[in-house]
């Protein structure tokens, strides 16, 4: 008897939600520039002290922000950029003085 191999999970269900299809691949510098542009164009954000880096399509946000709303806005803008393969945020909310 021959044994048949069956797939337990389809490739589609295993896809990373951040993983861009090959047709959407973009250079890291281009991704970073678009994130910086989006952040600087948002009139509700002060991005002084926010650092954006991209390595192999993976976005890393670092710095401190005024409140949770600003943190969410920055993270949302950066996640909406096409071509990213992952997203990490090390943004900290500053304590009030």
PDB file of N, CA and C in Angstrom:
ATOM      1  N   UNK A   1       0.820  -1.187   0.000  1.00  0.00           N
ATOM      2  CA  UNK A   1       0.000   0.000   0.000  1.00  0.00           C
ATOM      3  C   UNK A   1       0.858   1.242   0.000  1.00  0.00           C
ATOM      4  N   UNK A   2       0.470   2.180  -0.789  1.00  0.00           N
ATOM      5  CA  UNK A   2       1.181   3.449  -0.823  1.00  0.00           C
ATOM      6  C   UNK A   2       0.492   4.433   0.115  1.00  0.00           C
ATOM      7  N   UNK A   3       1.330   5.180   0.786  1.00  0.00           N
ATOM      8  CA  UNK A   3       0.807   6.171   1.718  1.00  0.00           C
ATOM      9  C   UNK A   3       0.684   7.516   0.999  1.00  0.00           C
ATOM     10  N   UNK A   4      -0.448   8.164   1.171  1.00  0.00           N
ATOM     11  CA  UNK A   4      -0.661   9.453   0.543  1.00  0.00           C
ATOM     12  C   UNK A   4      -0.388  10.559   1.550  1.00  0.00           C
ATOM     13  N   UNK A   5       0.297  11.580   1.081  1.00  0.00           N
ATOM     14  CA  UNK A   5       0.577  12.733   1.931  1.00  0.00           C
ATOM     15  C   UNK A   5      -0.527  13.763   1.750  1.00  0.00           C
ATOM     16  N   UNK A   6      -1.006  14.249   2.858  1.00  0.00           N
ATOM     17  CA  UNK A   6      -2.005  15.313   2.793  1.00  0.00           C
ATOM     18  C   UNK A   6      -1.483  16.510   3.564  1.00  0.00           C
ATOM     19  N   UNK A   7      -1.842  17.654   3.100  1.00  0.00           N
ATOM     20  CA  UNK A   7      -1.438  18.890   3.774  1.00  0.00           C
ATOM     21  C   UNK A   7      -2.423  19.169   4.902  1.00  0.00           C
ATOM     22  N   UNK A   8      -1.882  19.442   6.086  1.00  0.00           N
ATOM     23  CA  UNK A   8      -2.741  19.719   7.233  1.00  0.00           C
ATOM     24  C   UNK A   8      -3.206  21.162   7.279  1.00  0.00           C
ATOM     25  N   UNK A   9      -2.492  22.049   6.640  1.00  0.00           N
ATOM     26  CA  UNK A   9      -2.876  23.462   6.607  1.00  0.00           C
ATOM     27  C   UNK A   9      -2.497  24.033   5.253  1.00  0.00           C
ATOM     28  N   UNK A  10      -3.382  24.837   4.744  1.00  0.00           N
ATOM     29  CA  UNK A  10      -3.075  25.441   3.450  1.00  0.00           C
ATOM     30  C   UNK A  10      -2.052  26.548   3.631  1.00  0.00           C
ATOM     31  N   UNK A  11      -1.334  26.826   2.589  1.00  0.00           N
ATOM     32  CA  UNK A  11      -0.315  27.877   2.646  1.00  0.00           C
ATOM     33  C   UNK A  11      -0.961  29.227   2.942  1.00  0.00           C
ATOM     34  N   UNK A  12      -2.175  29.411   2.468  1.00  0.00           N
ATOM     35  CA  UNK A  12      -2.856  30.676   2.670  1.00  0.00           C
ATOM     36  C   UNK A  12      -3.122  30.943   4.151  1.00  0.00           C
ATOM     37  N   UNK A  13      -3.484  29.910   4.915  1.00  0.00           N
ATOM     38  CA  UNK A  13      -3.783  30.114   6.324  1.00  0.00           C
ATOM     39  C   UNK A  13      -2.528  30.357   7.157  1.00  0.00           C
ATOM     40  N   UNK A  14      -1.362  30.039   6.625  1.00  0.00           N
ATOM     41  CA  UNK A  14      -0.113  30.217   7.353  1.00  0.00           C
ATOM     42  C   UNK A  14       0.572  31.540   7.027  1.00  0.00           C
ATOM     43  N   UNK A  15      -0.021  32.341   6.182  1.00  0.00           N
ATOM     44  CA  UNK A  15       0.622  33.577   5.760  1.00  0.00           C
ATOM     45  C   UNK A  15       0.697  34.578   6.904  1.00  0.00           C
ATOM     46  N   UNK A  16       1.807  35.289   6.944  1.00  0.00           N
ATOM     47  CA  UNK A  16       2.011  36.369   7.899  1.00  0.00           C
ATOM     48  C   UNK A  16       1.163  37.551   7.437  1.00  0.00           C
ATOM     49  N   UNK A  17       0.344  38.148   8.323  1.00  0.00           N
ATOM     50  CA  UNK A  17      -0.502  39.256   7.884  1.00  0.00           C
ATOM     51  C   UNK A  17       0.290  40.484   7.444  1.00  0.00           C
ATOM     52  N   UNK A  18       1.552  40.606   7.890  1.00  0.00           N
ATOM     53  CA  UNK A  18       2.379  41.737   7.495  1.00  0.00           C
ATOM     54  C   UNK A  18       3.194  41.429   6.246  1.00  0.00           C
ATOM     55  N   UNK A  19       3.332  40.169   5.893  1.00  0.00           N
ATOM     56  CA  UNK A  19       4.193  39.758   4.791  1.00  0.00           C
ATOM     57  C   UNK A  19       3.630  40.255   3.473  1.00  0.00           C
ATOM     58  N   UNK A  20       4.421  41.030   2.786  1.00  0.00           N
ATOM     59  CA  UNK A  20       3.997  41.572   1.499  1.00  0.00           C
ATOM     60  C   UNK A  20       4.228  40.543   0.397  1.00  0.00           C
ATOM     61  N   UNK A  21       3.296  40.446  -0.554  1.00  0.00           N
ATOM     62  CA  UNK A  21       3.541  39.572  -1.697  1.00  0.00           C
ATOM     63  C   UNK A  21       4.783  40.039  -2.446  1.00  0.00           C
ATOM     64  N   UNK A  22       5.403  39.123  -3.157  1.00  0.00           N
ATOM     65  CA  UNK A  22       6.626  39.452  -3.900  1.00  0.00           C
ATOM     66  C   UNK A  22       6.425  40.677  -4.793  1.00  0.00           C
ATOM     67  N   UNK A  23       5.229  40.836  -5.349  1.00  0.00           N
ATOM     68  CA  UNK A  23       4.980  41.960  -6.253  1.00  0.00           C
ATOM     69  C   UNK A  23       4.963  43.296  -5.514  1.00  0.00           C
ATOM     70  N   UNK A  24       4.840  43.275  -4.161  1.00  0.00           N
ATOM     71  CA  UNK A  24       4.807  44.509  -3.387  1.00  0.00           C
ATOM     72  C   UNK A  24       6.106  44.768  -2.635  1.00  0.00           C
ATOM     73  N   UNK A  25       7.145  43.987  -2.893  1.00  0.00           N
ATOM     74  CA  UNK A  25       8.411  44.184  -2.205  1.00  0.00           C
ATOM     75  C   UNK A  25       8.936  45.578  -2.496  1.00  0.00           C
ATOM     76  N   UNK A  26       9.461  46.250  -1.441  1.00  0.00           N
ATOM     77  CA  UNK A  26      10.010  47.593  -1.591  1.00  0.00           C
ATOM     78  C   UNK A  26      11.315  47.687  -0.807  1.00  0.00           C
ATOM     79  N   UNK A  27      12.222  48.522  -1.262  1.00  0.00           N
ATOM     80  CA  UNK A  27      13.473  48.724  -0.519  1.00  0.00           C
ATOM     81  C   UNK A  27      13.189  49.349   0.851  1.00  0.00           C
ATOM     82  N   UNK A  28      14.012  49.002   1.834  1.00  0.00           N
ATOM     83  CA  UNK A  28      13.842  49.515   3.194  1.00  0.00           C
ATOM     84  C   UNK A  28      13.823  51.042   3.232  1.00  0.00           C
ATOM     85  N   UNK A  29      14.712  51.675   2.497  1.00  0.00           N
ATOM     86  CA  UNK A  29      14.792  53.145   2.498  1.00  0.00           C
ATOM     87  C   UNK A  29      13.494  53.770   1.998  1.00  0.00           C
ATOM     88  N   UNK A  30      12.874  53.137   1.021  1.00  0.00           N
ATOM     89  CA  UNK A  30      11.615  53.642   0.471  1.00  0.00           C
ATOM     90  C   UNK A  30      10.488  53.507   1.497  1.00  0.00           C
ATOM     91  N   UNK A  31      10.445  52.368   2.193  1.00  0.00           N
ATOM     92  CA  UNK A  31       9.432  52.154   3.233  1.00  0.00           C
ATOM     93  C   UNK A  31       9.606  53.184   4.343  1.00  0.00           C
ATOM     94  N   UNK A  32      10.845  53.352   4.794  1.00  0.00           N
ATOM     95  CA  UNK A  32      11.130  54.302   5.868  1.00  0.00           C
ATOM     96  C   UNK A  32      10.741  55.716   5.459  1.00  0.00           C
ATOM     97  N   UNK A  33      11.066  56.108   4.234  1.00  0.00           N
ATOM     98  CA  UNK A  33      10.732  57.447   3.749  1.00  0.00           C
ATOM     99  C   UNK A  33       9.218  57.666   3.718  1.00  0.00           C
ATOM    100  N   UNK A  34       8.466  56.665   3.306  1.00  0.00           N
ATOM    101  CA  UNK A  34       7.010  56.817   3.267  1.00  0.00           C
ATOM    102  C   UNK A  34       6.434  56.939   4.673  1.00  0.00           C
ATOM    103  N   UNK A  35       6.943  56.149   5.611  1.00  0.00           N
ATOM    104  CA  UNK A  35       6.468  56.250   6.997  1.00  0.00           C
ATOM    105  C   UNK A  35       6.778  57.642   7.541  1.00  0.00           C
ATOM    106  N   UNK A  36       8.001  58.120   7.336  1.00  0.00           N
ATOM    107  CA  UNK A  36       8.395  59.457   7.804  1.00  0.00           C
ATOM    108  C   UNK A  36       7.485  60.533   7.197  1.00  0.00           C
ATOM    109  N   UNK A  37       7.187  60.381   5.919  1.00  0.00           N
ATOM    110  CA  UNK A  37       6.325  61.354   5.236  1.00  0.00           C
ATOM    111  C   UNK A  37       4.930  61.353   5.843  1.00  0.00           C
ATOM    112  N   UNK A  38       4.357  60.155   6.020  1.00  0.00           N
ATOM    113  CA  UNK A  38       3.010  60.052   6.600  1.00  0.00           C
ATOM    114  C   UNK A  38       2.954  60.666   7.992  1.00  0.00           C
ATOM    115  N   UNK A  39       3.970  60.389   8.797  1.00  0.00           N
ATOM    116  CA  UNK A  39       3.993  60.920  10.158  1.00  0.00           C
ATOM    117  C   UNK A  39       4.128  62.442  10.151  1.00  0.00           C
ATOM    118  N   UNK A  40       4.991  62.962   9.301  1.00  0.00           N
ATOM    119  CA  UNK A  40       5.208  64.413   9.277  1.00  0.00           C
ATOM    120  C   UNK A  40       4.012  65.163   8.702  1.00  0.00           C
ATOM    121  N   UNK A  41       3.202  64.507   7.872  1.00  0.00           N
ATOM    122  CA  UNK A  41       2.026  65.151   7.286  1.00  0.00           C
ATOM    123  C   UNK A  41       0.814  65.143   8.212  1.00  0.00           C
ATOM    124  N   UNK A  42       0.863  64.380   9.298  1.00  0.00           N
ATOM    125  CA  UNK A  42      -0.260  64.331  10.236  1.00  0.00           C
ATOM    126  C   UNK A  42      -0.159  65.541  11.166  1.00  0.00           C
ATOM    127  N   UNK A  43      -1.113  66.488  11.064  1.00  0.00           N
ATOM    128  CA  UNK A  43      -1.023  67.710  11.864  1.00  0.00           C
ATOM    129  C   UNK A  43      -1.197  67.476  13.372  1.00  0.00           C
ATOM    130  N   UNK A  44      -1.675  66.322  13.771  1.00  0.00           N
ATOM    131  CA  UNK A  44      -1.889  66.028  15.184  1.00  0.00           C
ATOM    132  C   UNK A  44      -0.670  65.391  15.849  1.00  0.00           C
ATOM    133  N   UNK A  45       0.381  65.165  15.076  1.00  0.00           N
ATOM    134  CA  UNK A  45       1.560  64.494  15.624  1.00  0.00           C
ATOM    135  C   UNK A  45       2.763  65.417  15.708  1.00  0.00           C
ATOM    136  N   UNK A  46       3.487  65.290  16.813  1.00  0.00           N
ATOM    137  CA  UNK A  46       4.809  65.892  16.950  1.00  0.00           C
ATOM    138  C   UNK A  46       5.767  64.710  16.973  1.00  0.00           C
ATOM    139  N   UNK A  47       6.509  64.515  15.894  1.00  0.00           N
ATOM    140  CA  UNK A  47       7.351  63.317  15.799  1.00  0.00           C
ATOM    141  C   UNK A  47       8.790  63.564  16.212  1.00  0.00           C
ATOM    142  N   UNK A  48       9.020  64.682  16.902  1.00  0.00           N
ATOM    143  CA  UNK A  48      10.340  64.942  17.443  1.00  0.00           C
ATOM    144  C   UNK A  48      10.690  63.821  18.422  1.00  0.00           C
ATOM    145  N   UNK A  49      11.829  63.204  18.243  1.00  0.00           N
ATOM    146  CA  UNK A  49      12.231  62.127  19.143  1.00  0.00           C
ATOM    147  C   UNK A  49      11.692  60.761  18.778  1.00  0.00           C
ATOM    148  N   UNK A  50      11.044  60.650  17.604  1.00  0.00           N
ATOM    149  CA  UNK A  50      10.551  59.344  17.122  1.00  0.00           C
ATOM    150  C   UNK A  50      11.530  58.857  16.065  1.00  0.00           C
ATOM    151  N   UNK A  51      11.983  57.637  16.233  1.00  0.00           N
ATOM    152  CA  UNK A  51      12.953  57.060  15.309  1.00  0.00           C
ATOM    153  C   UNK A  51      12.328  55.866  14.601  1.00  0.00           C
ATOM    154  N   UNK A  52      12.443  55.860  13.281  1.00  0.00           N
ATOM    155  CA  UNK A  52      11.900  54.786  12.445  1.00  0.00           C
ATOM    156  C   UNK A  52      13.064  54.101  11.758  1.00  0.00           C
ATOM    157  N   UNK A  53      13.140  52.788  11.913  1.00  0.00           N
ATOM    158  CA  UNK A  53      14.141  52.029  11.162  1.00  0.00           C
ATOM    159  C   UNK A  53      13.445  50.865  10.478  1.00  0.00           C
ATOM    160  N   UNK A  54      14.007  50.440   9.366  1.00  0.00           N
ATOM    161  CA  UNK A  54      13.442  49.332   8.592  1.00  0.00           C
ATOM    162  C   UNK A  54      14.587  48.422   8.186  1.00  0.00           C
ATOM    163  N   UNK A  55      14.438  47.143   8.456  1.00  0.00           N
ATOM    164  CA  UNK A  55      15.448  46.162   8.080  1.00  0.00           C
ATOM    165  C   UNK A  55      14.746  44.943   7.491  1.00  0.00           C
ATOM    166  N   UNK A  56      15.049  44.626   6.257  1.00  0.00           N
ATOM    167  CA  UNK A  56      14.413  43.517   5.537  1.00  0.00           C
ATOM    168  C   UNK A  56      12.893  43.625   5.569  1.00  0.00           C
ATOM    169  N   UNK A  57      12.408  44.853   5.472  1.00  0.00           N
ATOM    170  CA  UNK A  57      10.966  45.093   5.445  1.00  0.00           C
ATOM    171  C   UNK A  57      10.314  45.159   6.816  1.00  0.00           C
ATOM    172  N   UNK A  58      11.064  44.886   7.868  1.00  0.00           N
ATOM    173  CA  UNK A  58      10.513  44.906   9.233  1.00  0.00           C
ATOM    174  C   UNK A  58      10.700  46.296   9.833  1.00  0.00           C
ATOM    175  N   UNK A  59       9.601  46.908  10.257  1.00  0.00           N
ATOM    176  CA  UNK A  59       9.596  48.265  10.792  1.00  0.00           C
ATOM    177  C   UNK A  59       9.812  48.229  12.299  1.00  0.00           C
ATOM    178  N   UNK A  60      10.655  49.136  12.789  1.00  0.00           N
ATOM    179  CA  UNK A  60      10.874  49.299  14.223  1.00  0.00           C
ATOM    180  C   UNK A  60      10.685  50.767  14.565  1.00  0.00           C
ATOM    181  N   UNK A  61       9.759  51.038  15.499  1.00  0.00           N
ATOM    182  CA  UNK A  61       9.502  52.391  15.976  1.00  0.00           C
ATOM    183  C   UNK A  61      10.083  52.520  17.375  1.00  0.00           C
ATOM    184  N   UNK A  62      10.798  53.617  17.624  1.00  0.00           N
ATOM    185  CA  UNK A  62      11.385  53.849  18.942  1.00  0.00           C
ATOM    186  C   UNK A  62      11.222  55.315  19.321  1.00  0.00           C
ATOM    187  N   UNK A  63      11.146  55.567  20.619  1.00  0.00           N
ATOM    188  CA  UNK A  63      11.051  56.924  21.114  1.00  0.00           C
ATOM    189  C   UNK A  63       9.976  57.042  22.169  1.00  0.00           C
ATOM    190  N   UNK A  64       9.701  58.285  22.561  1.00  0.00           N
ATOM    191  CA  UNK A  64       8.662  58.515  23.563  1.00  0.00           C
ATOM    192  C   UNK A  64       7.640  59.498  23.011  1.00  0.00           C
ATOM    193  N   UNK A  65       6.398  59.312  23.446  1.00  0.00           N
ATOM    194  CA  UNK A  65       5.281  60.119  22.961  1.00  0.00           C
ATOM    195  C   UNK A  65       4.489  60.666  24.144  1.00  0.00           C
ATOM    196  N   UNK A  66       3.625  61.636  23.859  1.00  0.00           N
ATOM    197  CA  UNK A  66       2.857  62.309  24.898  1.00  0.00           C
ATOM    198  C   UNK A  66       1.794  61.431  25.553  1.00  0.00           C
ATOM    199  N   UNK A  67       1.087  60.631  24.735  1.00  0.00           N
ATOM    200  CA  UNK A  67      -0.023  59.843  25.280  1.00  0.00           C
ATOM    201  C   UNK A  67      -0.317  58.631  24.394  1.00  0.00           C
ATOM    202  N   UNK A  68      -1.255  57.806  24.839  1.00  0.00           N
ATOM    203  CA  UNK A  68      -1.604  56.578  24.111  1.00  0.00           C
ATOM    204  C   UNK A  68      -2.188  56.860  22.731  1.00  0.00           C
ATOM    205  N   UNK A  69      -2.941  57.950  22.606  1.00  0.00           N
ATOM    206  CA  UNK A  69      -3.529  58.276  21.306  1.00  0.00           C
ATOM    207  C   UNK A  69      -2.448  58.556  20.268  1.00  0.00           C
ATOM    208  N   UNK A  70      -1.430  59.316  20.651  1.00  0.00           N
ATOM    209  CA  UNK A  70      -0.320  59.616  19.735  1.00  0.00           C
ATOM    210  C   UNK A  70       0.405  58.318  19.368  1.00  0.00           C
ATOM    211  N   UNK A  71       0.627  57.465  20.348  1.00  0.00           N
ATOM    212  CA  UNK A  71       1.281  56.174  20.097  1.00  0.00           C
ATOM    213  C   UNK A  71       0.497  55.362  19.072  1.00  0.00           C
ATOM    214  N   UNK A  72      -0.817  55.281  19.257  1.00  0.00           N
ATOM    215  CA  UNK A  72      -1.667  54.524  18.312  1.00  0.00           C
ATOM    216  C   UNK A  72      -1.631  55.133  16.915  1.00  0.00           C
ATOM    217  N   UNK A  73      -1.671  56.462  16.822  1.00  0.00           N
ATOM    218  CA  UNK A  73      -1.652  57.117  15.510  1.00  0.00           C
ATOM    219  C   UNK A  73      -0.361  56.801  14.766  1.00  0.00           C
ATOM    220  N   UNK A  74       0.756  56.867  15.468  1.00  0.00           N
ATOM    221  CA  UNK A  74       2.053  56.579  14.841  1.00  0.00           C
ATOM    222  C   UNK A  74       2.105  55.128  14.378  1.00  0.00           C
ATOM    223  N   UNK A  75       1.686  54.213  15.237  1.00  0.00           N
ATOM    224  CA  UNK A  75       1.700  52.794  14.871  1.00  0.00           C
ATOM    225  C   UNK A  75       0.771  52.507  13.700  1.00  0.00           C
ATOM    226  N   UNK A  76      -0.398  53.141  13.685  1.00  0.00           N
ATOM    227  CA  UNK A  76      -1.351  52.933  12.587  1.00  0.00           C
ATOM    228  C   UNK A  76      -0.780  53.430  11.272  1.00  0.00           C
ATOM    229  N   UNK A  77      -0.229  54.635  11.266  1.00  0.00           N
ATOM    230  CA  UNK A  77       0.373  55.163  10.034  1.00  0.00           C
ATOM    231  C   UNK A  77       1.450  54.214   9.504  1.00  0.00           C
ATOM    232  N   UNK A  78       2.298  53.724  10.388  1.00  0.00           N
ATOM    233  CA  UNK A  78       3.416  52.894   9.927  1.00  0.00           C
ATOM    234  C   UNK A  78       2.966  51.521   9.460  1.00  0.00           C
ATOM    235  N   UNK A  79       1.890  51.008  10.017  1.00  0.00           N
ATOM    236  CA  UNK A  79       1.380  49.693   9.584  1.00  0.00           C
ATOM    237  C   UNK A  79       0.680  49.750   8.231  1.00  0.00           C
ATOM    238  N   UNK A  80       0.236  50.931   7.828  1.00  0.00           N
ATOM    239  CA  UNK A  80      -0.512  51.063   6.574  1.00  0.00           C
ATOM    240  C   UNK A  80       0.373  51.134   5.335  1.00  0.00           C
ATOM    241  N   UNK A  81       1.655  51.209   5.527  1.00  0.00           N
ATOM    242  CA  UNK A  81       2.584  51.303   4.402  1.00  0.00           C
ATOM    243  C   UNK A  81       2.732  49.933   3.747  1.00  0.00           C
ATOM    244  N   UNK A  82       2.657  49.895   2.440  1.00  0.00           N
ATOM    245  CA  UNK A  82       2.780  48.616   1.735  1.00  0.00           C
ATOM    246  C   UNK A  82       4.231  48.160   1.710  1.00  0.00           C
ATOM    247  N   UNK A  83       4.418  46.856   1.631  1.00  0.00           N
ATOM    248  CA  UNK A  83       5.753  46.286   1.487  1.00  0.00           C
ATOM    249  C   UNK A  83       6.426  45.888   2.785  1.00  0.00           C
ATOM    250  N   UNK A  84       5.758  46.090   3.946  1.00  0.00           N
ATOM    251  CA  UNK A  84       6.415  45.712   5.197  1.00  0.00           C
ATOM    252  C   UNK A  84       6.226  44.223   5.466  1.00  0.00           C
ATOM    253  N   UNK A  85       7.211  43.634   6.127  1.00  0.00           N
ATOM    254  CA  UNK A  85       7.137  42.199   6.449  1.00  0.00           C
ATOM    255  C   UNK A  85       6.860  41.974   7.929  1.00  0.00           C
ATOM    256  N   UNK A  86       6.945  43.035   8.744  1.00  0.00           N
ATOM    257  CA  UNK A  86       6.673  42.928  10.163  1.00  0.00           C
ATOM    258  C   UNK A  86       6.703  44.302  10.795  1.00  0.00           C
ATOM    259  N   UNK A  87       6.281  44.357  12.057  1.00  0.00           N
ATOM    260  CA  UNK A  87       6.164  45.655  12.717  1.00  0.00           C
ATOM    261  C   UNK A  87       6.411  45.495  14.206  1.00  0.00           C
ATOM    262  N   UNK A  88       7.343  46.278  14.738  1.00  0.00           N
ATOM    263  CA  UNK A  88       7.617  46.283  16.175  1.00  0.00           C
ATOM    264  C   UNK A  88       7.587  47.731  16.653  1.00  0.00           C
ATOM    265  N   UNK A  89       7.026  47.923  17.841  1.00  0.00           N
ATOM    266  CA  UNK A  89       6.969  49.263  18.404  1.00  0.00           C
ATOM    267  C   UNK A  89       7.566  49.259  19.800  1.00  0.00           C
ATOM    268  N   UNK A  90       8.565  50.096  19.981  1.00  0.00           N
ATOM    269  CA  UNK A  90       9.150  50.319  21.307  1.00  0.00           C
ATOM    270  C   UNK A  90       8.836  51.756  21.738  1.00  0.00           C
ATOM    271  N   UNK A  91       7.674  52.258  21.342  1.00  0.00           N
ATOM    272  CA  UNK A  91       7.266  53.604  21.734  1.00  0.00           C
ATOM    273  C   UNK A  91       6.797  53.577  23.180  1.00  0.00           C
ATOM    274  N   UNK A  92       7.253  54.558  23.951  1.00  0.00           N
ATOM    275  CA  UNK A  92       6.877  54.675  25.359  1.00  0.00           C
ATOM    276  C   UNK A  92       6.076  55.953  25.563  1.00  0.00           C
ATOM    277  N   UNK A  93       5.062  55.870  26.415  1.00  0.00           N
ATOM    278  CA  UNK A  93       4.286  57.056  26.766  1.00  0.00           C
ATOM    279  C   UNK A  93       4.995  57.741  27.931  1.00  0.00           C
ATOM    280  N   UNK A  94       5.314  59.036  27.718  1.00  0.00           N
ATOM    281  CA  UNK A  94       5.985  59.811  28.770  1.00  0.00           C
ATOM    282  C   UNK A  94       5.036  60.026  29.943  1.00  0.00           C
ATOM    283  N   UNK A  95       5.579  59.992  31.132  1.00  0.00           N
ATOM    284  CA  UNK A  95       4.794  60.274  32.329  1.00  0.00           C
ATOM    285  C   UNK A  95       4.579  61.785  32.421  1.00  0.00           C
ATOM    286  N   UNK A  96       3.371  62.201  32.837  1.00  0.00           N
ATOM    287  CA  UNK A  96       3.134  63.648  32.995  1.00  0.00           C
ATOM    288  C   UNK A  96       4.042  64.231  34.066  1.00  0.00           C
ATOM    289  N   UNK A  97       4.419  65.475  33.873  1.00  0.00           N
ATOM    290  CA  UNK A  97       5.318  66.142  34.831  1.00  0.00           C
ATOM    291  C   UNK A  97       4.567  66.753  35.972  1.00  0.00           C
TER     292      UNK A  97
END
